[in-house]
Amino acid sequence: MNGDLIDLVLSIVSEIPEGSVATYGQIAYLADKPRNARLVGKILSISEYFGKYPCHRVVNHKGRIAPCFKEQKNLLQLEGIEFRDETHVNLTKHRWKI
């Protein structure tokens, strides 16, 4: 993982508009690393060392929020994101249209 990739991923995440979510895979694709969704997750897990980014707007390919990110659900609900159940956002309605 290099600094340029970290900067690229975080700049992409910073573009996700309020009220929308993106998947780790979408971010990986936009970073020209289409099969590296887990790498995106790793970068987001250390994002606090690089500044403040809306990492709460990134979910897995099924819309599931991160189990270890306790504030994520509340932050998304404050932005108007609807959930299908306790842990999955409504991707049909809220997926970031790129």
Protein backbone atom coordinates (compact mmCIF):
# COMPACT_ATOMS: atom_id res chain seq x y z
CA MET A 1 0.00 0.00 0.00
CA ASN A 2 1.59 3.26 -1.06
CA GLY A 3 0.85 6.90 -0.31
CA ASP A 4 -0.43 7.65 -3.80
CA LEU A 5 -3.01 4.88 -3.60
CA ILE A 6 -4.10 5.99 -0.14
CA ASP A 7 -4.53 9.57 -1.41
CA LEU A 8 -6.48 8.37 -4.44
CA VAL A 9 -8.86 6.19 -2.43
CA LEU A 10 -9.49 8.91 0.15
CA SER A 11 -10.07 11.52 -2.55
CA ILE A 12 -12.66 9.24 -4.17
CA VAL A 13 -14.38 8.68 -0.82
CA SER A 14 -14.47 12.44 -0.24
CA GLU A 15 -16.57 12.77 -3.43
CA ILE A 16 -19.42 10.53 -2.20
CA PRO A 17 -22.33 12.94 -1.73
CA GLU A 18 -24.29 13.17 1.49
CA GLY A 19 -27.28 10.82 1.34
CA SER A 20 -25.45 8.31 -0.86
CA VAL A 21 -23.30 5.27 -0.17
CA ALA A 22 -20.67 3.51 -2.25
CA THR A 23 -19.35 -0.01 -1.98
CA TYR A 24 -15.74 -0.97 -1.36
CA GLY A 25 -15.80 -2.49 -4.84
CA GLN A 26 -16.97 0.75 -6.46
CA ILE A 27 -14.13 2.63 -4.80
CA ALA A 28 -11.63 -0.03 -5.89
CA TYR A 29 -12.91 0.17 -9.47
CA LEU A 30 -12.64 3.97 -9.51
CA ALA A 31 -9.09 3.70 -8.15
CA ASP A 32 -8.20 1.38 -11.06
CA LYS A 33 -7.83 -1.56 -8.66
CA PRO A 34 -11.05 -3.42 -9.56
CA ARG A 35 -10.38 -6.61 -7.60
CA ASN A 36 -9.08 -4.94 -4.46
CA ALA A 37 -12.16 -4.08 -2.40
CA ARG A 38 -10.46 -5.44 0.73
CA LEU A 39 -7.52 -3.12 0.17
CA VAL A 40 -9.98 -0.21 0.09
CA GLY A 41 -11.36 -1.41 3.42
CA LYS A 42 -7.86 -1.52 4.88
CA ILE A 43 -7.16 2.02 3.70
CA LEU A 44 -10.42 3.28 5.17
CA SER A 45 -9.62 1.60 8.48
CA ILE A 46 -6.56 3.86 8.82
CA SER A 47 -8.06 6.98 7.23
CA GLU A 48 -8.14 8.88 10.53
CA TYR A 49 -4.35 9.27 10.26
CA PHE A 50 -4.77 11.28 7.04
CA GLY A 51 -7.64 13.62 7.92
CA LYS A 52 -11.41 13.56 8.13
CA TYR A 53 -13.20 11.65 5.37
CA PRO A 54 -16.80 10.41 5.05
CA CYS A 55 -15.80 6.75 5.35
CA HIS A 56 -19.18 6.03 6.94
CA ARG A 57 -20.63 6.27 3.42
CA VAL A 58 -18.84 3.09 2.30
CA VAL A 59 -20.50 -0.32 2.76
CA ASN A 60 -19.95 -3.83 1.43
CA HIS A 61 -21.40 -5.13 -1.84
CA LYS A 62 -24.62 -6.21 -0.12
CA GLY A 63 -25.06 -2.91 1.69
CA ARG A 64 -23.90 -4.17 5.07
CA ILE A 65 -22.33 -1.65 7.39
CA ALA A 66 -19.03 -2.41 9.09
CA PRO A 67 -19.58 -4.38 12.31
CA CYS A 68 -16.65 -2.68 14.08
CA PHE A 69 -17.73 0.88 13.14
CA LYS A 70 -20.30 1.56 15.87
CA GLU A 71 -21.19 5.11 14.76
CA GLN A 72 -21.69 4.25 11.08
CA LYS A 73 -25.41 3.48 11.23
CA ASN A 74 -26.24 6.63 13.16
CA LEU A 75 -24.16 8.82 10.82
CA LEU A 76 -25.91 7.35 7.78
CA GLN A 77 -29.36 7.75 9.30
CA LEU A 78 -28.59 11.40 10.06
CA GLU A 79 -27.99 11.82 6.30
CA GLY A 80 -31.34 10.23 5.45
CA ILE A 81 -30.05 6.80 4.44
CA GLU A 82 -32.72 4.13 4.80
CA PHE A 83 -31.97 0.60 5.99
CA ARG A 84 -33.51 -2.67 4.75
CA ASP A 85 -32.84 -4.25 8.13
CA GLU A 86 -30.62 -3.60 11.15
CA THR A 87 -27.33 -3.83 9.28
CA HIS A 88 -28.01 -3.30 5.54
CA VAL A 89 -28.61 -0.01 3.77
CA ASN A 90 -31.06 0.24 0.90
CA LEU A 91 -28.53 0.15 -1.95
CA THR A 92 -31.25 0.35 -4.59
CA LYS A 93 -32.22 3.78 -3.32
CA HIS A 94 -28.95 5.17 -1.97
CA ARG A 95 -26.08 3.72 -4.08
CA TRP A 96 -23.81 6.46 -5.41
CA LYS A 97 -24.50 6.91 -9.12
CA ILE A 98 -21.15 7.49 -10.76
